[in-house]
Amino acid sequence: MQEAKNTARALVRLGYDGRVHKTFRGHMAQERFEHEVRVLRYLEKQGCKFVPRVLETDPEKLHMVTTNCGNRVENNITEDRLRQLFAELEQYGVRHEDPYTRNVTYNQQMGRFCLIDFEFATILNEPHLGPPPPEPDPDENGPRGW
């Protein structure tokens, strides 16, 4: 497996089969794990195709396996397109809460931009199931990051 991210809050590895393996750690790891799984399953039920699908979870290890949504775009997206993409997500009932380029990928097979990293997202019709409170992470670029 290829390491994609290794910080105090998460280890993300890309499997040779294309799947993404994410292990949560650090501050409120269990809550962030449970919340991201809940949000991704909600989006799947809503028919949202431009986010990862949860394939496996291991609550004891705070580990999940998802589909791969492509390669990170880094800085290859305009601010206007970025706003449109996160607004499109809200049509499926979810606000990302971390609307930055670091959470955008490009899926060549789909021919479109996709979104990742939903541990701080809000399901708009279930605000009582909101995300864990954010805490700045000194290992990340900004207050949150992938």
Protein backbone atom coordinates (compact mmCIF):
# COMPACT_ATOMS: atom_id res chain seq x y z
CA MET A 1 0.00 0.00 0.00
CA GLN A 2 1.05 3.54 -0.68
CA GLU A 3 0.88 6.06 2.15
CA ALA A 4 -1.17 9.14 1.23
CA LYS A 5 -1.37 10.85 4.63
CA ASN A 6 0.22 10.22 8.00
CA THR A 7 -0.62 12.77 10.69
CA ALA A 8 -1.56 12.81 14.35
CA ARG A 9 -5.22 12.47 13.33
CA ALA A 10 -5.21 9.93 10.53
CA LEU A 11 -3.26 7.41 8.52
CA VAL A 12 -4.52 7.11 4.95
CA ARG A 13 -3.13 4.46 2.62
CA LEU A 14 -4.04 3.64 -0.96
CA GLY A 15 -4.31 -0.05 -1.70
CA TYR A 16 -3.00 -1.53 -4.90
CA ASP A 17 -6.60 -2.56 -5.59
CA GLY A 18 -7.57 1.13 -5.64
CA ARG A 19 -9.32 1.18 -2.28
CA VAL A 20 -8.61 3.82 0.37
CA HIS A 21 -7.77 2.67 3.91
CA LYS A 22 -8.23 5.31 6.61
CA THR A 23 -7.38 4.79 10.28
CA PHE A 24 -8.49 7.50 12.68
CA ARG A 25 -6.34 8.47 15.65
CA GLY A 26 -5.74 11.37 17.98
CA HIS A 27 -8.30 13.83 19.34
CA MET A 28 -11.85 12.41 19.31
CA ALA A 29 -10.85 9.65 16.89
CA GLN A 30 -13.83 7.44 17.67
CA GLU A 31 -16.34 10.27 17.22
CA ARG A 32 -14.72 11.39 13.96
CA PHE A 33 -14.67 7.80 12.66
CA GLU A 34 -18.34 7.22 13.51
CA HIS A 35 -19.37 10.57 12.07
CA GLU A 36 -17.54 10.16 8.75
CA VAL A 37 -19.00 6.68 8.28
CA ARG A 38 -22.50 8.02 9.08
CA VAL A 39 -22.15 10.92 6.61
CA LEU A 40 -20.80 8.76 3.78
CA ARG A 41 -23.57 6.18 4.24
CA TYR A 42 -26.14 8.98 4.27
CA LEU A 43 -24.74 10.38 1.01
CA GLU A 44 -24.82 6.93 -0.57
CA LYS A 45 -28.52 6.62 0.33
CA GLN A 46 -29.10 10.05 -1.21
CA GLY A 47 -27.53 8.86 -4.48
CA CYS A 48 -24.50 11.15 -4.34
CA LYS A 49 -21.95 9.68 -6.76
CA PHE A 50 -19.03 12.10 -6.29
CA VAL A 51 -17.98 10.99 -2.79
CA PRO A 52 -16.36 7.76 -1.56
CA ARG A 53 -18.54 4.73 -0.75
CA VAL A 54 -17.88 2.90 2.50
CA LEU A 55 -16.87 -0.70 1.74
CA GLU A 56 -15.72 -1.91 5.18
CA THR A 57 -15.52 -0.61 8.73
CA ASP A 58 -13.73 -1.85 11.83
CA PRO A 59 -15.00 0.17 14.82
CA GLU A 60 -12.51 -1.48 17.20
CA LYS A 61 -9.55 -0.34 15.10
CA LEU A 62 -11.23 2.93 13.99
CA HIS A 63 -10.53 1.88 10.44
CA MET A 64 -12.60 2.16 7.29
CA VAL A 65 -12.10 1.19 3.67
CA THR A 66 -13.71 3.26 0.92
CA THR A 67 -13.75 3.49 -2.82
CA ASN A 68 -11.18 5.75 -4.39
CA CYS A 69 -12.43 9.07 -5.80
CA GLY A 70 -9.36 9.83 -7.87
CA ASN A 71 -6.27 11.96 -7.43
CA ARG A 72 -6.04 15.06 -5.28
CA VAL A 73 -6.22 18.20 -7.40
CA GLU A 74 -3.88 20.36 -5.31
CA ASN A 75 -4.31 23.81 -6.90
CA ASN A 76 -5.84 22.83 -10.25
CA ILE A 77 -9.35 24.14 -9.53
CA THR A 78 -10.70 27.68 -9.55
CA GLU A 79 -12.30 29.25 -6.49
CA ASP A 80 -15.57 29.55 -8.39
CA ARG A 81 -15.58 25.85 -9.32
CA LEU A 82 -14.68 24.97 -5.74
CA ARG A 83 -17.72 26.89 -4.42
CA GLN A 84 -19.96 25.20 -7.03
CA LEU A 85 -18.73 21.76 -6.04
CA PHE A 86 -19.40 22.24 -2.32
CA ALA A 87 -22.78 23.82 -3.13
CA GLU A 88 -23.63 20.76 -5.26
CA LEU A 89 -22.97 18.58 -2.21
CA GLU A 90 -25.56 20.56 -0.22
CA GLN A 91 -28.21 19.47 -2.74
CA TYR A 92 -27.73 16.00 -1.21
CA GLY A 93 -28.32 17.34 2.31
CA VAL A 94 -24.73 17.65 3.54
CA ARG A 95 -22.54 20.67 4.23
CA HIS A 96 -18.86 19.73 4.09
CA GLU A 97 -17.60 22.25 6.71
CA ASP A 98 -14.03 22.03 5.37
CA PRO A 99 -14.48 23.43 1.84
CA TYR A 100 -10.90 23.58 0.69
CA THR A 101 -8.94 22.22 -2.25
CA ARG A 102 -7.24 19.64 -0.02
CA ASN A 103 -10.60 17.81 0.08
CA VAL A 104 -11.11 17.68 -3.68
CA THR A 105 -10.05 14.92 -6.04
CA TYR A 106 -10.49 14.39 -9.74
CA ASN A 107 -11.86 11.06 -10.92
CA GLN A 108 -10.73 10.50 -14.48
CA GLN A 109 -13.18 7.62 -15.07
CA MET A 110 -16.12 9.80 -14.01
CA GLY A 111 -14.69 12.89 -15.69
CA ARG A 112 -15.45 15.06 -12.68
CA PHE A 113 -14.29 16.52 -9.41
CA CYS A 114 -15.16 14.60 -6.25
CA LEU A 115 -15.06 15.33 -2.51
CA ILE A 116 -13.35 13.48 0.34
CA ASP A 117 -12.83 13.75 4.11
CA PHE A 118 -16.23 14.09 5.77
CA GLU A 119 -15.36 13.81 9.45
CA PHE A 120 -16.50 17.41 10.09
CA ALA A 121 -19.47 17.51 7.68
CA THR A 122 -23.02 18.31 8.77
CA ILE A 123 -26.09 16.34 7.69
CA LEU A 124 -28.44 19.28 7.27
CA ASN A 125 -31.67 17.57 8.33
CA GLU A 126 -29.97 15.89 11.32
CA PRO A 127 -28.06 18.73 13.04
CA HIS A 128 -28.25 16.88 16.37
CA LEU A 129 -25.85 14.36 14.81
CA GLY A 130 -23.35 17.09 14.06
CA PRO A 131 -19.62 16.66 13.72
CA PRO A 132 -17.26 16.54 16.66
CA PRO A 133 -15.89 19.97 17.54
CA PRO A 134 -12.83 20.80 15.46
CA GLU A 135 -9.47 21.20 17.05
CA PRO A 136 -6.49 22.74 15.26
CA ASP A 137 -3.96 20.13 14.22
CA PRO A 138 -0.36 21.34 14.06
CA ASP A 139 0.46 18.62 11.50
CA GLU A 140 -2.11 19.87 9.01
CA ASN A 141 -2.36 22.71 6.53
CA GLY A 142 -4.95 24.91 8.24
CA PRO A 143 -7.36 23.94 11.01
CA ARG A 144 -8.31 20.67 9.29
CA GLY A 145 -6.83 18.75 6.43
CA TRP A 146 -6.63 15.51 4.51
